[in-house]
Amino acid sequence: MAKKPPAAGRGMATRLRTAEGRSTASQRWLTRQLNDPYVRAAKAQGFRSRAAFKLLEIDAKLKLLKPGMRVVDLGAAPGGWTQVAVAAVEERGEVVAIDILPMDPVAGATVLQGDFTEDEAEVRVTAAMGGKADLVLSDMAPNTTGHQATDHLRIMALAEIALDFATRVLAPKGAFVAKVLQGGTEAEMLAVLKRDFAVVRHVKPPASRKDSAEMYVVATGFRR
């Protein structure tokens, strides 16, 4: 497993060489990326995104990933979480990544392009795994509008769709991880989670930016 990236050092801030032609928002985003220790660590360790460290930190806390597991990564592009899962399950395991967008191959994983909400997706994913999943992952998030209530509804809708898929492909005692927003899971979804899983937790890994409202719901012990 990869090591946790170092904290940003004092006095080491990197500035943009030029701001010409860039909006203020674009300048802020680029500056933040240049000075983000997780972005630098992801590049150094060969991860496709800084989000890989979110899964690594969740797993370090809750020990979800194990050798030999069957794992599904929903909305997987660009593949950071898929890379982490492949390393964890080792050669005995199976990792299936699916996204509606094209995604470069990940060694050790089966990458499927398609909409996981379509009926055939369940069949394709289960066939690729060779059976039911032990863990379903979703780091999906919609494009933000800047309107807090709207963004909350949209990200929760994605989490609910991911949960519906998970309940159809998970093996007994399986687990589910999905991105939600601060304040936790909606009451209706939480009720489903508590009904279908033995334990439900909310986690905000250190790699989630402090100014971000994102967190993750982690449900273990699938009861069906």
C-alpha atoms as a PDB file:
ATOM      1  CA  MET A   1       0.000   0.000   0.000  1.00  0.00           C
ATOM      2  CA  ALA A   2       1.119   3.567  -0.666  1.00  0.00           C
ATOM      3  CA  LYS A   3       2.350   5.762   2.119  1.00  0.00           C
ATOM      4  CA  LYS A   4       0.434   8.764   3.332  1.00  0.00           C
ATOM      5  CA  PRO A   5       1.702  11.918   1.586  1.00  0.00           C
ATOM      6  CA  PRO A   6       3.687  14.459   3.591  1.00  0.00           C
ATOM      7  CA  ALA A   7       2.056  17.593   4.955  1.00  0.00           C
ATOM      8  CA  ALA A   8       2.646  20.770   3.019  1.00  0.00           C
ATOM      9  CA  GLY A   9       5.728  22.585   4.229  1.00  0.00           C
ATOM     10  CA  ARG A  10       5.748  26.181   5.392  1.00  0.00           C
ATOM     11  CA  GLY A  11       7.158  28.721   3.020  1.00  0.00           C
ATOM     12  CA  MET A  12       7.009  26.296   0.098  1.00  0.00           C
ATOM     13  CA  ALA A  13       3.979  27.711  -1.714  1.00  0.00           C
ATOM     14  CA  THR A  14       4.222  27.608  -5.503  1.00  0.00           C
ATOM     15  CA  ARG A  15       2.878  30.509  -7.515  1.00  0.00           C
ATOM     16  CA  LEU A  16       1.502  30.474 -11.061  1.00  0.00           C
ATOM     17  CA  ARG A  17       4.074  31.613 -13.586  1.00  0.00           C
ATOM     18  CA  THR A  18       1.400  33.472 -15.493  1.00  0.00           C
ATOM     19  CA  ALA A  19      -2.261  34.291 -14.930  1.00  0.00           C
ATOM     20  CA  GLU A  20      -2.777  35.616 -18.454  1.00  0.00           C
ATOM     21  CA  GLY A  21      -5.985  34.365 -20.041  1.00  0.00           C
ATOM     22  CA  ARG A  22      -7.172  32.601 -16.875  1.00  0.00           C
ATOM     23  CA  SER A  23     -10.239  33.494 -14.837  1.00  0.00           C
ATOM     24  CA  THR A  24      -9.883  34.232 -11.126  1.00  0.00           C
ATOM     25  CA  ALA A  25     -11.549  30.911 -10.278  1.00  0.00           C
ATOM     26  CA  SER A  26      -9.176  29.066 -12.617  1.00  0.00           C
ATOM     27  CA  GLN A  27      -6.173  30.782 -11.035  1.00  0.00           C
ATOM     28  CA  ARG A  28      -7.338  29.782  -7.534  1.00  0.00           C
ATOM     29  CA  TRP A  29      -7.870  26.163  -8.614  1.00  0.00           C
ATOM     30  CA  LEU A  30      -4.471  25.883 -10.303  1.00  0.00           C
ATOM     31  CA  THR A  31      -2.673  27.457  -7.351  1.00  0.00           C
ATOM     32  CA  ARG A  32      -4.393  25.050  -4.962  1.00  0.00           C
ATOM     33  CA  GLN A  33      -3.416  22.096  -7.162  1.00  0.00           C
ATOM     34  CA  LEU A  34       0.213  23.211  -7.335  1.00  0.00           C
ATOM     35  CA  ASN A  35       0.405  23.457  -3.536  1.00  0.00           C
ATOM     36  CA  ASP A  36      -1.586  20.340  -2.650  1.00  0.00           C
ATOM     37  CA  PRO A  37       0.650  17.635  -1.077  1.00  0.00           C
ATOM     38  CA  TYR A  38      -1.832  14.936  -2.114  1.00  0.00           C
ATOM     39  CA  VAL A  39      -1.630  16.020  -5.766  1.00  0.00           C
ATOM     40  CA  ARG A  40       2.175  15.855  -5.594  1.00  0.00           C
ATOM     41  CA  ALA A  41       2.107  12.485  -3.819  1.00  0.00           C
ATOM     42  CA  ALA A  42      -0.353  11.047  -6.338  1.00  0.00           C
ATOM     43  CA  LYS A  43       1.937  12.064  -9.186  1.00  0.00           C
ATOM     44  CA  ALA A  44       5.007  10.684  -7.412  1.00  0.00           C
ATOM     45  CA  GLN A  45       3.353   7.342  -6.605  1.00  0.00           C
ATOM     46  CA  GLY A  46       1.704   6.832  -9.976  1.00  0.00           C
ATOM     47  CA  PHE A  47      -1.913   7.366  -8.946  1.00  0.00           C
ATOM     48  CA  ARG A  48      -4.269   8.889 -11.487  1.00  0.00           C
ATOM     49  CA  SER A  49      -5.876  11.217  -8.959  1.00  0.00           C
ATOM     50  CA  ARG A  50      -5.401  12.554  -5.439  1.00  0.00           C
ATOM     51  CA  ALA A  51      -8.687  10.794  -4.606  1.00  0.00           C
ATOM     52  CA  ALA A  52      -6.728   7.546  -4.332  1.00  0.00           C
ATOM     53  CA  PHE A  53      -5.559   8.688  -0.906  1.00  0.00           C
ATOM     54  CA  LYS A  54      -9.148   9.088   0.293  1.00  0.00           C
ATOM     55  CA  LEU A  55      -9.752   5.381  -0.234  1.00  0.00           C
ATOM     56  CA  LEU A  56      -6.368   4.499   1.256  1.00  0.00           C
ATOM     57  CA  GLU A  57      -7.215   6.500   4.387  1.00  0.00           C
ATOM     58  CA  ILE A  58     -10.728   5.065   4.679  1.00  0.00           C
ATOM     59  CA  ASP A  59      -9.277   1.580   4.340  1.00  0.00           C
ATOM     60  CA  ALA A  60      -6.526   2.256   6.885  1.00  0.00           C
ATOM     61  CA  LYS A  61      -9.234   3.196   9.379  1.00  0.00           C
ATOM     62  CA  LEU A  62     -11.836   0.512   8.614  1.00  0.00           C
ATOM     63  CA  LYS A  63      -9.871  -2.358   6.959  1.00  0.00           C
ATOM     64  CA  LEU A  64     -12.321  -2.872   4.086  1.00  0.00           C
ATOM     65  CA  LEU A  65     -10.001  -4.130   1.358  1.00  0.00           C
ATOM     66  CA  LYS A  66      -8.549  -7.633   1.624  1.00  0.00           C
ATOM     67  CA  PRO A  67      -6.689 -10.022  -0.698  1.00  0.00           C
ATOM     68  CA  GLY A  68      -9.002 -12.162  -2.805  1.00  0.00           C
ATOM     69  CA  MET A  69     -11.981  -9.789  -2.682  1.00  0.00           C
ATOM     70  CA  ARG A  70     -14.304  -8.983  -5.568  1.00  0.00           C
ATOM     71  CA  VAL A  71     -14.638  -5.191  -5.860  1.00  0.00           C
ATOM     72  CA  VAL A  72     -16.771  -2.949  -8.079  1.00  0.00           C
ATOM     73  CA  ASP A  73     -15.777   0.689  -8.641  1.00  0.00           C
ATOM     74  CA  LEU A  74     -18.744   2.720  -9.927  1.00  0.00           C
ATOM     75  CA  GLY A  75     -18.095   5.877 -11.934  1.00  0.00           C
ATOM     76  CA  ALA A  76     -14.454   4.892 -11.774  1.00  0.00           C
ATOM     77  CA  ALA A  77     -12.755   7.333 -14.184  1.00  0.00           C
ATOM     78  CA  PRO A  78      -9.972   8.373 -14.080  1.00  0.00           C
ATOM     79  CA  GLY A  79      -9.167   5.257 -12.029  1.00  0.00           C
ATOM     80  CA  GLY A  80      -7.462   6.276  -8.785  1.00  0.00           C
ATOM     81  CA  TRP A  81      -9.740   4.161  -6.595  1.00  0.00           C
ATOM     82  CA  THR A  82      -9.466   1.271  -9.058  1.00  0.00           C
ATOM     83  CA  GLN A  83      -5.667   1.349  -8.711  1.00  0.00           C
ATOM     84  CA  VAL A  84      -5.908   1.194  -4.910  1.00  0.00           C
ATOM     85  CA  ALA A  85      -8.392  -1.687  -5.050  1.00  0.00           C
ATOM     86  CA  VAL A  86      -6.239  -3.717  -7.464  1.00  0.00           C
ATOM     87  CA  ALA A  87      -3.181  -3.381  -5.221  1.00  0.00           C
ATOM     88  CA  ALA A  88      -5.196  -4.435  -2.165  1.00  0.00           C
ATOM     89  CA  VAL A  89      -7.026  -7.491  -3.527  1.00  0.00           C
ATOM     90  CA  GLU A  90      -3.848  -8.808  -5.192  1.00  0.00           C
ATOM     91  CA  GLU A  91      -3.861 -11.458  -7.922  1.00  0.00           C
ATOM     92  CA  ARG A  92      -6.466 -13.627  -6.176  1.00  0.00           C
ATOM     93  CA  GLY A  93      -9.075 -10.867  -6.268  1.00  0.00           C
ATOM     94  CA  GLU A  94     -11.182  -9.262  -8.994  1.00  0.00           C
ATOM     95  CA  VAL A  95     -11.734  -5.561  -9.586  1.00  0.00           C
ATOM     96  CA  VAL A  96     -14.322  -4.293 -12.078  1.00  0.00           C
ATOM     97  CA  ALA A  97     -14.409  -0.590 -12.911  1.00  0.00           C
ATOM     98  CA  ILE A  98     -17.341   0.884 -14.813  1.00  0.00           C
ATOM     99  CA  ASP A  99     -17.900   4.418 -16.085  1.00  0.00           C
ATOM    100  CA  ILE A 100     -20.022   6.017 -18.782  1.00  0.00           C
ATOM    101  CA  LEU A 101     -16.851   7.833 -19.865  1.00  0.00           C
ATOM    102  CA  PRO A 102     -13.929   6.092 -21.568  1.00  0.00           C
ATOM    103  CA  MET A 103     -11.169   5.163 -19.119  1.00  0.00           C
ATOM    104  CA  ASP A 104      -7.625   3.996 -19.780  1.00  0.00           C
ATOM    105  CA  PRO A 105      -6.960   0.364 -18.811  1.00  0.00           C
ATOM    106  CA  VAL A 106      -5.764  -0.385 -15.282  1.00  0.00           C
ATOM    107  CA  ALA A 107      -3.486  -3.407 -15.003  1.00  0.00           C
ATOM    108  CA  GLY A 108      -5.229  -6.092 -12.960  1.00  0.00           C
ATOM    109  CA  ALA A 109      -8.746  -4.657 -13.397  1.00  0.00           C
ATOM    110  CA  THR A 110     -11.580  -5.175 -15.870  1.00  0.00           C
ATOM    111  CA  VAL A 111     -12.633  -1.776 -17.194  1.00  0.00           C
ATOM    112  CA  LEU A 112     -16.143  -1.520 -18.638  1.00  0.00           C
ATOM    113  CA  GLN A 113     -17.569   1.494 -20.423  1.00  0.00           C
ATOM    114  CA  GLY A 114     -21.278   1.948 -19.901  1.00  0.00           C
ATOM    115  CA  ASP A 115     -24.054   3.305 -17.704  1.00  0.00           C
ATOM    116  CA  PHE A 116     -24.260   1.207 -14.538  1.00  0.00           C
ATOM    117  CA  THR A 117     -27.915   2.251 -14.107  1.00  0.00           C
ATOM    118  CA  GLU A 118     -28.913   0.250 -17.187  1.00  0.00           C
ATOM    119  CA  ASP A 119     -30.283  -3.267 -16.682  1.00  0.00           C
ATOM    120  CA  GLU A 120     -27.486  -4.958 -18.614  1.00  0.00           C
ATOM    121  CA  ALA A 121     -24.791  -3.387 -16.420  1.00  0.00           C
ATOM    122  CA  GLU A 122     -25.564  -5.695 -13.502  1.00  0.00           C
ATOM    123  CA  VAL A 123     -25.133  -8.726 -15.767  1.00  0.00           C
ATOM    124  CA  ARG A 124     -21.901  -7.399 -17.294  1.00  0.00           C
ATOM    125  CA  VAL A 125     -20.356  -6.540 -13.944  1.00  0.00           C
ATOM    126  CA  THR A 126     -21.316  -9.815 -12.263  1.00  0.00           C
ATOM    127  CA  ALA A 127     -20.022 -11.811 -15.238  1.00  0.00           C
ATOM    128  CA  ALA A 128     -16.713  -9.918 -15.213  1.00  0.00           C
ATOM    129  CA  MET A 129     -16.280 -10.592 -11.479  1.00  0.00           C
ATOM    130  CA  GLY A 130     -17.292 -14.221 -11.736  1.00  0.00           C
ATOM    131  CA  GLY A 131     -19.853 -13.837  -8.965  1.00  0.00           C
ATOM    132  CA  LYS A 132     -21.242 -11.425  -6.395  1.00  0.00           C
ATOM    133  CA  ALA A 133     -19.180  -8.488  -5.072  1.00  0.00           C
ATOM    134  CA  ASP A 134     -17.631  -8.203  -1.629  1.00  0.00           C
ATOM    135  CA  LEU A 135     -17.325  -4.415  -1.872  1.00  0.00           C
ATOM    136  CA  VAL A 136     -18.988  -1.727  -4.002  1.00  0.00           C
ATOM    137  CA  LEU A 137     -17.267   1.669  -4.186  1.00  0.00           C
ATOM    138  CA  SER A 138     -18.630   4.989  -5.435  1.00  0.00           C
ATOM    139  CA  ASP A 139     -16.618   8.214  -5.426  1.00  0.00           C
ATOM    140  CA  MET A 140     -19.023   9.796  -7.891  1.00  0.00           C
ATOM    141  CA  ALA A 141     -19.969  13.446  -7.691  1.00  0.00           C
ATOM    142  CA  PRO A 142     -21.926  15.618 -10.142  1.00  0.00           C
ATOM    143  CA  ASN A 143     -20.612  18.897 -11.470  1.00  0.00           C
ATOM    144  CA  THR A 144     -21.339  21.492  -8.808  1.00  0.00           C
ATOM    145  CA  THR A 145     -23.667  24.432  -9.429  1.00  0.00           C
ATOM    146  CA  GLY A 146     -22.558  26.531  -6.461  1.00  0.00           C
ATOM    147  CA  HIS A 147     -26.052  26.302  -5.032  1.00  0.00           C
ATOM    148  CA  GLN A 148     -25.688  24.280  -1.832  1.00  0.00           C
ATOM    149  CA  ALA A 149     -29.183  22.766  -1.725  1.00  0.00           C
ATOM    150  CA  THR A 150     -29.088  21.756  -5.395  1.00  0.00           C
ATOM    151  CA  ASP A 151     -25.616  20.243  -5.113  1.00  0.00           C
ATOM    152  CA  HIS A 152     -26.664  18.292  -2.031  1.00  0.00           C
ATOM    153  CA  LEU A 153     -29.694  16.809  -3.818  1.00  0.00           C
ATOM    154  CA  ARG A 154     -27.627  15.863  -6.868  1.00  0.00           C
ATOM    155  CA  ILE A 155     -24.840  14.106  -4.980  1.00  0.00           C
ATOM    156  CA  MET A 156     -27.328  12.266  -2.774  1.00  0.00           C
ATOM    157  CA  ALA A 157     -29.210  11.105  -5.870  1.00  0.00           C
ATOM    158  CA  LEU A 158     -25.985   9.553  -7.163  1.00  0.00           C
ATOM    159  CA  ALA A 159     -25.348   7.873  -3.807  1.00  0.00           C
ATOM    160  CA  GLU A 160     -28.867   6.422  -3.781  1.00  0.00           C
ATOM    161  CA  ILE A 161     -28.464   5.031  -7.319  1.00  0.00           C
ATOM    162  CA  ALA A 162     -25.124   3.508  -6.309  1.00  0.00           C
ATOM    163  CA  LEU A 163     -26.734   1.931  -3.238  1.00  0.00           C
ATOM    164  CA  ASP A 164     -29.527   0.441  -5.341  1.00  0.00           C
ATOM    165  CA  PHE A 165     -26.927  -1.144  -7.624  1.00  0.00           C
ATOM    166  CA  ALA A 166     -24.898  -2.372  -4.643  1.00  0.00           C
ATOM    167  CA  THR A 167     -27.862  -4.163  -3.081  1.00  0.00           C
ATOM    168  CA  ARG A 168     -28.294  -6.108  -6.321  1.00  0.00           C
ATOM    169  CA  VAL A 169     -24.676  -7.229  -6.755  1.00  0.00           C
ATOM    170  CA  LEU A 170     -23.325  -7.585  -3.204  1.00  0.00           C
ATOM    171  CA  ALA A 171     -22.668 -10.948  -1.582  1.00  0.00           C
ATOM    172  CA  PRO A 172     -23.839 -11.541   2.015  1.00  0.00           C
ATOM    173  CA  LYS A 173     -21.622  -9.640   4.506  1.00  0.00           C
ATOM    174  CA  GLY A 174     -20.450  -7.337   1.715  1.00  0.00           C
ATOM    175  CA  ALA A 175     -19.693  -3.619   2.094  1.00  0.00           C
ATOM    176  CA  PHE A 176     -20.596  -0.337   0.400  1.00  0.00           C
ATOM    177  CA  VAL A 177     -18.768   3.026   0.284  1.00  0.00           C
ATOM    178  CA  ALA A 178     -20.207   6.174  -1.305  1.00  0.00           C
ATOM    179  CA  LYS A 179     -19.531   9.890  -1.327  1.00  0.00           C
ATOM    180  CA  VAL A 180     -22.154  12.067   0.383  1.00  0.00           C
ATOM    181  CA  LEU A 181     -22.110  15.613   1.758  1.00  0.00           C
ATOM    182  CA  GLN A 182     -21.503  16.975   5.239  1.00  0.00           C
ATOM    183  CA  GLY A 183     -24.510  16.479   7.436  1.00  0.00           C
ATOM    184  CA  GLY A 184     -24.556  12.818   6.536  1.00  0.00           C
ATOM    185  CA  THR A 185     -26.896  10.609   4.623  1.00  0.00           C
ATOM    186  CA  GLU A 186     -30.523  11.530   3.949  1.00  0.00           C
ATOM    187  CA  ALA A 187     -32.989   9.926   6.375  1.00  0.00           C
ATOM    188  CA  GLU A 188     -34.614   7.706   3.740  1.00  0.00           C
ATOM    189  CA  MET A 189     -31.302   6.376   2.440  1.00  0.00           C
ATOM    190  CA  LEU A 190     -29.964   5.955   5.974  1.00  0.00           C
ATOM    191  CA  ALA A 191     -33.005   3.863   6.855  1.00  0.00           C
ATOM    192  CA  VAL A 192     -32.304   1.555   3.899  1.00  0.00           C
ATOM    193  CA  LEU A 193     -28.645   1.279   4.870  1.00  0.00           C
ATOM    194  CA  LYS A 194     -29.470   0.419   8.490  1.00  0.00           C
ATOM    195  CA  ARG A 195     -32.020  -2.136   7.325  1.00  0.00           C
ATOM    196  CA  ASP A 196     -29.688  -3.873   4.861  1.00  0.00           C
ATOM    197  CA  PHE A 197     -26.311  -3.545   6.616  1.00  0.00           C
ATOM    198  CA  ALA A 198     -25.119  -4.411  10.107  1.00  0.00           C
ATOM    199  CA  VAL A 199     -23.020  -1.262  10.634  1.00  0.00           C
ATOM    200  CA  VAL A 200     -23.265   2.206   9.042  1.00  0.00           C
ATOM    201  CA  ARG A 201     -20.620   4.905   9.595  1.00  0.00           C
ATOM    202  CA  HIS A 202     -19.718   8.315   8.192  1.00  0.00           C
ATOM    203  CA  VAL A 203     -16.044   9.099   7.566  1.00  0.00           C
ATOM    204  CA  LYS A 204     -14.191  12.205   6.391  1.00  0.00           C
ATOM    205  CA  PRO A 205     -10.669  11.119   5.389  1.00  0.00           C
ATOM    206  CA  PRO A 206      -7.808  13.609   5.810  1.00  0.00           C
ATOM    207  CA  ALA A 207      -7.357  13.741   2.014  1.00  0.00           C
ATOM    208  CA  SER A 208     -10.776  15.412   1.705  1.00  0.00           C
ATOM    209  CA  ARG A 209     -10.018  19.104   1.588  1.00  0.00           C
ATOM    210  CA  LYS A 210     -10.940  21.023   4.736  1.00  0.00           C
ATOM    211  CA  ASP A 211     -13.109  23.438   2.775  1.00  0.00           C
ATOM    212  CA  SER A 212     -14.994  20.579   1.097  1.00  0.00           C
ATOM    213  CA  ALA A 213     -18.369  19.401   2.398  1.00  0.00           C
ATOM    214  CA  GLU A 214     -17.770  15.870   1.141  1.00  0.00           C
ATOM    215  CA  MET A 215     -17.650  12.834   3.379  1.00  0.00           C
ATOM    216  CA  TYR A 216     -18.271   9.116   2.887  1.00  0.00           C
ATOM    217  CA  VAL A 217     -20.887   6.692   4.110  1.00  0.00           C
ATOM    218  CA  VAL A 218     -19.447   3.240   4.827  1.00  0.00           C
ATOM    219  CA  ALA A 219     -21.860   0.346   5.333  1.00  0.00           C
ATOM    220  CA  THR A 220     -20.623  -3.141   6.254  1.00  0.00           C
ATOM    221  CA  GLY A 221     -22.219  -6.525   6.897  1.00  0.00           C
ATOM    222  CA  PHE A 222     -24.738  -6.753   4.025  1.00  0.00           C
ATOM    223  CA  ARG A 223     -27.674  -8.780   5.327  1.00  0.00           C
ATOM    224  CA  ARG A 224     -29.113 -10.289   2.135  1.00  0.00           C
END
